[in-house]
Amino acid sequence: MDSKAMPAPASTVPFFTQAESFERLWPRLSAYLDEVCESGTYSNGPKTAELEAALRDYTGARHAIAVGNGTDALVLLLRAAGIGPGDEVIVPAFSFFASASSVALVGAVPVFADVDPLTYNIDPAALEALVTPRTKAVMPVHLFCQPADMTAVLAVAERHGLLVLEDSAEGIGMRLNGRHTGLIGAGGVLSFFPTKTLGALGDAGMVLTDDDALAGAVQRLRDHGRPALPPPASGGKPAAAPAARAEYARQGELAGTNSKMDELQAAALLTKLTTLDDDIRRRAVLADAYTRRLRGIPGVRGLPAVVERGEPVDPVFYVYLIETDRRDALVSHLAAAGIGTETYYPLPLHLQPCFAHLGHQEGDFPHAEAASHRTVALPLYPELTLAQLGRVCDAVRSFFTGSTS
């Protein structure tokens, strides 16, 4: 039979969808969008300023600077921190591509470290041996459901005088000892890519920091090197005095870029922010249900677990990740059953073609490579029903045992 003619599976469970949440939140979002259209300001305006204030309150940050996307946030944070050509930045070998490409984009060299096999976060024990006279910073990544071991990372950084810049793109709501991720080191970032725990309708990002100088540099860099101006009033009239606007026109002191947040994305994020804590709690309920249903299935070799480190941790299940030696076959089996999955990350960073000049080969970072070969994420979003979750678990069980019970 022609595969194009085959009927779609009856019980489709997408890997991710925002459709129901935006439908439920449409009245509030619609009102915000009307405000944007009436203001006549569509970039870095009143709604963006409102979002920055709301995220300062939510995270406890002194500064929250909205930018175009999470990758730009990393690049601007690195530039603002003075990282550039000739510098080395230690990053985990298992992460999204931007964790390393952002370092390369500022002219610095990513130095890869292996990861903890339980949390997939950077292994602090691997850091010390990687420090050289050229090392300027460490970039831990807070992956999947819990922060990196920041106490250990900070200890290494303090011994060697290194900056700690956090890739907290997945970290909204995660806290360690009451400190929000992104604020444990010198600064960090948030990504609002649609699949994130707090997701926009497209690309958007933010830099978090308590450092005034770092924040000021990011604010300039996101807007062609120009100083920050007060946002226009709701009627669209300039809020800044003529002298301030004249200073704003001077761009030559710092070569920045254009990475301002769209007002439409700020409106969407303000809307979603009203349900963020409820969404985080729902994700925890679903993660617990997954663990109870999947525990003990032969062939599933790893389920998520929040590691106890002797200090309070607020986990957030952005992704529910499992490990199996038959990952690709399981993905195909679930797809045939109409169930979406996502592979995080199929090729570790040290084996990416653009980093071949660094001279790494297979076997250099065994935990990162094992994770790349064995991990797969199952559907997880607040609107996922327990019935849908049950179908996912039944399909996983049937793959490994031939039975759903």
Protein backbone atom coordinates (compact mmCIF):
# COMPACT_ATOMS: atom_id res chain seq x y z
CA MET A 1 0.00 0.00 0.00
CA ASP A 2 1.20 3.54 -0.76
CA SER A 3 2.26 5.04 2.58
CA LYS A 4 0.64 8.33 1.57
CA ALA A 5 -2.71 6.58 1.42
CA MET A 6 -2.49 5.00 4.87
CA PRO A 7 -5.05 6.35 7.37
CA ALA A 8 -3.77 8.47 10.22
CA PRO A 9 -3.61 6.80 13.64
CA ALA A 10 -6.87 7.20 15.59
CA SER A 11 -5.31 8.47 18.82
CA THR A 12 -2.90 11.26 17.93
CA VAL A 13 -0.89 12.77 20.78
CA PRO A 14 1.30 15.65 19.56
CA PHE A 15 4.66 16.19 21.16
CA PHE A 16 3.64 19.77 21.92
CA THR A 17 0.77 22.14 21.27
CA GLN A 18 -0.27 25.58 22.54
CA ALA A 19 -3.62 25.63 20.75
CA GLU A 20 -5.82 24.98 23.79
CA SER A 21 -3.96 27.36 26.09
CA PHE A 22 -4.17 30.25 23.66
CA GLU A 23 -7.83 29.50 22.99
CA ARG A 24 -8.52 29.62 26.73
CA LEU A 25 -6.48 32.80 27.16
CA TRP A 26 -7.71 34.51 24.00
CA PRO A 27 -9.88 37.20 25.69
CA ARG A 28 -6.90 38.53 27.65
CA LEU A 29 -4.49 38.17 24.72
CA SER A 30 -6.93 39.86 22.35
CA ALA A 31 -7.16 42.86 24.67
CA TYR A 32 -3.36 43.09 24.85
CA LEU A 33 -3.05 42.87 21.07
CA ASP A 34 -5.58 45.68 20.70
CA GLU A 35 -3.41 47.80 23.00
CA VAL A 36 -0.36 47.09 20.86
CA CYS A 37 -2.13 48.04 17.65
CA GLU A 38 -3.56 51.21 19.17
CA SER A 39 -0.15 52.27 20.53
CA GLY A 40 1.48 52.29 17.11
CA THR A 41 4.68 50.88 18.68
CA TYR A 42 5.49 47.34 17.61
CA SER A 43 9.00 46.76 18.97
CA ASN A 44 10.52 47.36 22.41
CA GLY A 45 7.55 49.41 23.53
CA PRO A 46 5.14 49.57 26.48
CA LYS A 47 4.24 45.87 26.47
CA THR A 48 7.91 44.88 26.39
CA ALA A 49 8.60 47.17 29.35
CA GLU A 50 5.61 45.65 31.17
CA LEU A 51 6.94 42.16 30.52
CA GLU A 52 10.42 43.11 31.75
CA ALA A 53 8.91 44.44 34.98
CA ALA A 54 6.79 41.30 35.40
CA LEU A 55 9.83 39.03 34.92
CA ARG A 56 11.86 41.09 37.37
CA ASP A 57 9.12 40.47 39.92
CA TYR A 58 8.81 36.78 39.07
CA THR A 59 12.52 35.95 39.09
CA GLY A 60 13.75 38.49 41.62
CA ALA A 61 16.20 39.90 39.07
CA ARG A 62 17.40 43.47 39.34
CA HIS A 63 17.42 43.63 35.54
CA ALA A 64 15.43 41.73 32.91
CA ILE A 65 16.25 42.81 29.35
CA ALA A 66 13.98 41.57 26.58
CA VAL A 67 15.63 40.55 23.29
CA GLY A 68 14.69 38.85 20.03
CA ASN A 69 15.38 35.23 20.98
CA GLY A 70 17.28 32.98 23.36
CA THR A 71 20.35 32.67 21.14
CA ASP A 72 20.68 36.44 20.87
CA ALA A 73 20.36 36.58 24.65
CA LEU A 74 23.40 34.30 25.02
CA VAL A 75 25.45 36.21 22.45
CA LEU A 76 24.60 39.59 23.99
CA LEU A 77 25.33 38.33 27.50
CA LEU A 78 28.74 37.03 26.41
CA ARG A 79 29.57 40.28 24.61
CA ALA A 80 28.40 42.40 27.53
CA ALA A 81 30.64 40.34 29.83
CA GLY A 82 33.64 41.12 27.64
CA ILE A 83 34.08 37.63 26.19
CA GLY A 84 35.75 37.76 22.78
CA PRO A 85 38.53 36.50 20.51
CA GLY A 86 41.18 34.43 22.24
CA ASP A 87 38.99 33.65 25.26
CA GLU A 88 37.85 30.17 26.23
CA VAL A 89 34.41 29.37 27.68
CA ILE A 90 33.72 25.94 29.18
CA VAL A 91 30.35 24.51 28.09
CA PRO A 92 28.74 21.05 28.40
CA ALA A 93 29.08 18.74 25.40
CA PHE A 94 25.40 17.75 25.65
CA SER A 95 23.13 20.73 25.08
CA PHE A 96 21.33 22.66 22.37
CA PHE A 97 23.63 23.94 19.63
CA ALA A 98 23.33 27.58 20.75
CA SER A 99 25.17 26.84 24.00
CA ALA A 100 28.36 26.45 21.97
CA SER A 101 27.59 28.48 18.83
CA SER A 102 26.99 31.62 20.91
CA VAL A 103 30.56 31.31 22.22
CA ALA A 104 31.90 30.92 18.68
CA LEU A 105 29.81 33.86 17.44
CA VAL A 106 31.62 36.27 19.78
CA GLY A 107 34.98 34.94 18.55
CA ALA A 108 35.74 32.85 21.64
CA VAL A 109 36.46 29.12 21.81
CA PRO A 110 34.00 26.65 23.35
CA VAL A 111 35.80 24.14 25.57
CA PHE A 112 33.64 21.06 26.09
CA ALA A 113 33.04 19.22 29.34
CA ASP A 114 31.25 15.95 29.91
CA VAL A 115 27.91 15.85 31.72
CA ASP A 116 26.50 14.14 34.78
CA PRO A 117 24.77 10.95 33.53
CA LEU A 118 21.81 11.44 35.91
CA THR A 119 20.97 15.13 35.37
CA TYR A 120 22.62 15.74 31.94
CA ASN A 121 23.98 18.99 33.38
CA ILE A 122 27.66 19.89 33.26
CA ASP A 123 29.85 17.67 35.46
CA PRO A 124 31.63 19.96 37.95
CA ALA A 125 34.33 17.33 38.47
CA ALA A 126 35.32 17.76 34.82
CA LEU A 127 35.76 21.54 35.03
CA GLU A 128 38.98 21.92 36.96
CA ALA A 129 41.14 20.05 34.46
CA LEU A 130 39.81 22.17 31.58
CA VAL A 131 40.85 25.56 32.97
CA THR A 132 43.75 27.24 31.16
CA PRO A 133 45.18 30.77 31.28
CA ARG A 134 42.78 31.62 28.43
CA THR A 135 39.64 30.45 30.25
CA LYS A 136 37.40 33.43 31.03
CA ALA A 137 34.03 31.87 31.84
CA VAL A 138 32.02 28.76 32.55
CA MET A 139 28.57 28.39 30.99
CA PRO A 140 26.52 25.75 32.84
CA VAL A 141 23.24 24.80 31.17
CA HIS A 142 20.13 24.06 33.23
CA LEU A 143 18.58 21.20 31.29
CA PHE A 144 15.20 19.50 31.24
CA CYS A 145 13.94 19.61 34.84
CA GLN A 146 16.55 20.87 37.32
CA PRO A 147 19.39 23.34 37.79
CA ALA A 148 23.01 22.37 37.33
CA ASP A 149 25.13 21.77 40.44
CA MET A 150 25.84 25.47 40.81
CA THR A 151 27.45 25.25 44.25
CA ALA A 152 30.20 23.07 42.79
CA VAL A 153 30.46 25.14 39.59
CA LEU A 154 30.77 28.38 41.55
CA ALA A 155 33.48 26.87 43.74
CA VAL A 156 35.60 26.01 40.68
CA ALA A 157 34.96 29.43 39.16
CA GLU A 158 35.97 31.22 42.38
CA ARG A 159 39.22 29.26 42.65
CA HIS A 160 40.21 30.31 39.13
CA GLY A 161 38.66 33.77 38.90
CA LEU A 162 36.14 32.81 36.21
CA LEU A 163 32.83 34.36 35.27
CA VAL A 164 29.76 32.12 35.53
CA LEU A 165 27.27 32.89 32.76
CA GLU A 166 24.21 30.64 32.82
CA ASP A 167 22.44 29.17 29.83
CA SER A 168 19.13 29.12 31.67
CA ALA A 169 17.08 29.16 28.47
CA GLU A 170 14.96 26.26 29.80
CA GLY A 171 15.07 27.47 33.39
CA ILE A 172 12.00 29.64 33.93
CA GLY A 173 10.69 28.84 37.42
CA MET A 174 13.73 26.75 38.45
CA ARG A 175 15.35 27.90 41.68
CA LEU A 176 18.28 26.79 43.80
CA ASN A 177 18.31 27.92 47.42
CA GLY A 178 15.62 30.41 46.48
CA ARG A 179 17.70 31.95 43.67
CA HIS A 180 16.19 31.81 40.23
CA THR A 181 18.35 30.26 37.54
CA GLY A 182 20.18 32.93 35.58
CA LEU A 183 20.84 34.87 38.78
CA ILE A 184 23.14 32.42 40.53
CA GLY A 185 26.18 33.48 38.50
CA ALA A 186 26.86 36.89 36.94
CA GLY A 187 23.87 36.61 34.62
CA GLY A 188 21.78 34.26 32.54
CA VAL A 189 19.16 34.03 29.84
CA LEU A 190 15.62 32.88 29.20
CA SER A 191 14.24 31.54 25.93
CA PHE A 192 10.57 31.95 25.10
CA PHE A 193 10.59 29.67 22.06
CA PRO A 194 7.03 28.29 21.73
CA THR A 195 7.84 24.88 23.26
CA LYS A 196 9.35 26.40 26.41
CA THR A 197 7.53 26.34 29.75
CA LEU A 198 6.74 30.02 29.12
CA GLY A 199 6.40 30.10 25.35
CA ALA A 200 5.66 32.92 22.92
CA LEU A 201 3.99 32.72 19.52
CA GLY A 202 7.42 32.83 17.91
CA ASP A 203 10.96 33.74 18.92
CA ALA A 204 11.71 35.85 21.98
CA GLY A 205 14.29 35.86 24.77
CA MET A 206 15.57 37.71 27.84
CA VAL A 207 18.77 38.40 29.75
CA LEU A 208 18.62 38.29 33.57
CA THR A 209 21.26 39.85 35.80
CA ASP A 210 21.75 41.74 39.06
CA ASP A 211 24.82 43.49 37.65
CA ASP A 212 24.11 47.10 36.61
CA ALA A 213 27.05 47.38 34.20
CA LEU A 214 26.25 44.06 32.52
CA ALA A 215 22.61 45.07 32.13
CA GLY A 216 23.53 48.45 30.68
CA ALA A 217 25.79 46.84 28.09
CA VAL A 218 23.09 44.35 27.05
CA GLN A 219 20.54 47.15 26.72
CA ARG A 220 22.85 49.02 24.37
CA LEU A 221 23.93 45.97 22.40
CA ARG A 222 20.36 44.87 21.65
CA ASP A 223 19.63 48.22 19.94
CA HIS A 224 22.63 49.09 17.75
CA GLY A 225 24.67 50.38 20.68
CA ARG A 226 22.15 53.07 21.60
CA PRO A 227 21.29 53.80 25.24
CA ALA A 228 17.96 52.65 26.59
CA LEU A 229 15.08 55.11 26.37
CA PRO A 230 11.90 55.09 28.42
CA PRO A 231 9.26 53.28 26.37
CA PRO A 232 6.64 55.39 24.58
CA ALA A 233 3.48 56.11 26.52
CA SER A 234 0.37 54.13 25.62
CA GLY A 235 -0.67 56.89 23.22
CA GLY A 236 2.56 56.48 21.27
CA LYS A 237 4.08 59.83 22.30
CA PRO A 238 7.82 59.85 23.09
CA ALA A 239 8.53 59.63 26.83
CA ALA A 240 12.13 60.88 26.56
CA ALA A 241 13.27 64.48 26.54
CA PRO A 242 14.89 65.85 23.33
CA ALA A 243 18.36 65.71 24.86
CA ALA A 244 17.93 62.04 25.69
CA ARG A 245 16.72 61.33 22.19
CA ALA A 246 19.74 63.11 20.75
CA GLU A 247 22.01 60.89 22.86
CA TYR A 248 19.99 57.89 21.64
CA ALA A 249 20.91 58.78 18.06
CA ARG A 250 24.64 58.37 18.81
CA GLN A 251 25.46 54.80 17.82
CA GLY A 252 29.21 54.81 17.25
CA GLU A 253 30.43 54.15 20.78
CA LEU A 254 29.41 50.48 20.76
CA ALA A 255 28.67 48.27 17.75
CA GLY A 256 25.44 46.56 18.67
CA THR A 257 22.81 44.66 16.75
CA ASN A 258 19.04 44.68 16.31
CA SER A 259 17.54 42.27 18.81
CA LYS A 260 14.59 44.09 20.32
CA MET A 261 11.53 42.11 21.35
CA ASP A 262 8.37 42.43 19.27
CA GLU A 263 5.43 43.91 21.15
CA LEU A 264 3.18 41.11 19.88
CA GLN A 265 5.44 38.51 21.53
CA ALA A 266 5.54 40.55 24.74
CA ALA A 267 1.74 40.59 24.73
CA ALA A 268 1.59 36.81 24.27
CA LEU A 269 4.11 36.25 27.08
CA LEU A 270 2.29 38.57 29.49
CA THR A 271 -0.83 36.54 28.80
CA LYS A 272 0.89 33.20 29.37
CA LEU A 273 2.66 34.50 32.48
CA THR A 274 -0.71 34.68 34.28
CA THR A 275 -0.91 30.86 34.26
CA LEU A 276 2.80 30.01 34.52
CA ASP A 277 2.78 28.70 38.09
CA ASP A 278 -0.34 26.63 37.42
CA ASP A 279 1.32 25.26 34.28
CA ILE A 280 4.45 24.32 36.25
CA ARG A 281 2.34 22.48 38.82
CA ARG A 282 0.46 20.65 36.06
CA ARG A 283 3.75 19.61 34.45
CA ALA A 284 4.85 18.15 37.79
CA VAL A 285 1.62 16.15 38.06
CA LEU A 286 2.11 14.78 34.55
CA ALA A 287 5.77 13.95 35.19
CA ASP A 288 4.82 12.03 38.32
CA ALA A 289 2.15 10.14 36.36
CA TYR A 290 4.68 9.25 33.66
CA THR A 291 7.16 7.97 36.24
CA ARG A 292 4.56 5.81 37.99
CA ARG A 293 3.35 4.32 34.69
CA LEU A 294 6.79 3.76 33.12
CA ARG A 295 8.74 2.56 36.16
CA GLY A 296 9.81 -1.06 35.82
CA ILE A 297 9.27 -1.43 32.08
CA PRO A 298 12.16 -3.56 30.79
CA GLY A 299 14.18 -1.63 28.23
CA VAL A 300 13.51 1.79 29.75
CA ARG A 301 16.85 2.35 31.43
CA GLY A 302 16.44 5.86 32.79
CA LEU A 303 13.59 8.04 34.10
CA PRO A 304 13.94 11.65 35.25
CA ALA A 305 14.91 12.16 38.88
CA VAL A 306 15.64 15.37 40.77
CA VAL A 307 19.01 14.90 42.45
CA GLU A 308 19.26 15.81 46.14
CA ARG A 309 22.27 18.01 46.85
CA GLY A 310 21.57 19.15 50.39
CA GLU A 311 20.02 22.47 49.35
CA PRO A 312 16.46 23.44 48.38
CA VAL A 313 15.69 22.96 44.68
CA ASP A 314 12.56 24.01 42.77
CA PRO A 315 12.49 21.73 39.73
CA VAL A 316 10.43 22.47 36.62
CA PHE A 317 9.62 19.72 34.15
CA TYR A 318 10.21 21.47 30.85
CA VAL A 319 10.87 18.07 29.23
CA TYR A 320 10.13 14.50 30.33
CA LEU A 321 13.15 12.55 29.10
CA ILE A 322 13.66 8.79 29.15
CA GLU A 323 16.63 6.64 28.10
CA THR A 324 16.64 3.44 26.11
CA ASP A 325 19.19 1.57 24.02
CA ARG A 326 16.49 1.20 21.35
CA ARG A 327 15.69 4.89 21.09
CA ASP A 328 15.27 5.21 17.31
CA ALA A 329 13.10 2.09 17.04
CA LEU A 330 10.93 3.35 19.91
CA VAL A 331 10.52 6.72 18.19
CA SER A 332 9.34 4.96 15.02
CA HIS A 333 6.94 2.77 17.02
CA LEU A 334 5.41 5.80 18.76
CA ALA A 335 5.14 7.74 15.51
CA ALA A 336 3.22 4.85 13.96
CA ALA A 337 0.83 5.11 16.91
CA GLY A 338 0.34 8.83 16.30
CA ILE A 339 2.50 9.93 19.23
CA GLY A 340 5.00 12.73 18.81
CA THR A 341 8.46 12.72 20.39
CA GLU A 342 11.59 14.85 20.31
CA THR A 343 15.23 13.74 20.37
CA TYR A 344 17.49 15.79 22.66
CA TYR A 345 20.21 15.98 21.23
CA PRO A 346 21.11 13.49 18.48
CA LEU A 347 24.68 14.73 17.96
CA PRO A 348 26.74 16.01 20.91
CA LEU A 349 28.34 19.40 20.49
CA HIS A 350 31.95 18.22 20.29
CA LEU A 351 31.08 16.10 17.21
CA GLN A 352 29.27 18.87 15.33
CA PRO A 353 30.99 19.50 11.97
CA CYS A 354 31.61 23.19 12.66
CA PHE A 355 33.69 22.26 15.71
CA ALA A 356 35.81 19.63 13.94
CA HIS A 357 38.80 21.99 14.08
CA LEU A 358 38.86 21.53 17.86
CA GLY A 359 40.06 17.98 17.29
CA HIS A 360 37.53 15.95 19.26
CA GLN A 361 36.48 12.43 18.37
CA GLU A 362 33.99 9.82 19.52
CA GLY A 363 34.77 8.58 23.00
CA ASP A 364 36.03 11.93 24.33
CA PHE A 365 32.88 12.60 26.36
CA PRO A 366 31.20 9.26 27.00
CA HIS A 367 28.26 10.47 29.09
CA ALA A 368 27.31 13.15 26.55
CA GLU A 369 27.57 10.63 23.73
CA ALA A 370 25.49 8.03 25.57
CA ALA A 371 22.77 10.60 26.21
CA SER A 372 22.75 11.62 22.56
CA HIS A 373 22.24 8.01 21.50
CA ARG A 374 19.68 6.99 24.12
CA THR A 375 17.45 9.89 25.17
CA VAL A 376 14.00 10.74 23.87
CA ALA A 377 11.41 13.21 25.18
CA LEU A 378 7.75 12.22 25.51
CA PRO A 379 4.80 14.64 25.12
CA LEU A 380 4.59 17.07 28.04
CA TYR A 381 2.52 20.26 28.16
CA PRO A 382 -0.19 21.52 30.52
CA GLU A 383 -3.09 20.58 28.24
CA LEU A 384 -1.95 16.95 27.92
CA THR A 385 -4.67 14.81 29.47
CA LEU A 386 -4.07 11.83 31.71
CA ALA A 387 -5.87 9.72 29.10
CA GLN A 388 -3.42 10.85 26.43
CA LEU A 389 -0.52 10.23 28.80
CA GLY A 390 -1.88 6.75 29.39
CA ARG A 391 -1.89 6.07 25.65
CA VAL A 392 1.75 7.15 25.45
CA CYS A 393 2.70 4.85 28.32
CA ASP A 394 0.72 1.95 26.85
CA ALA A 395 2.53 2.43 23.54
CA VAL A 396 5.93 2.49 25.26
CA ARG A 397 5.09 -0.65 27.20
CA SER A 398 3.78 -2.45 24.11
CA PHE A 399 7.03 -1.69 22.28
CA PHE A 400 9.15 -3.34 24.95
CA THR A 401 6.83 -6.12 26.13
CA GLY A 402 4.22 -6.63 23.41
CA SER A 403 1.50 -5.81 25.95
CA THR A 404 -0.11 -2.62 27.29
CA SER A 405 -0.57 -4.04 30.78
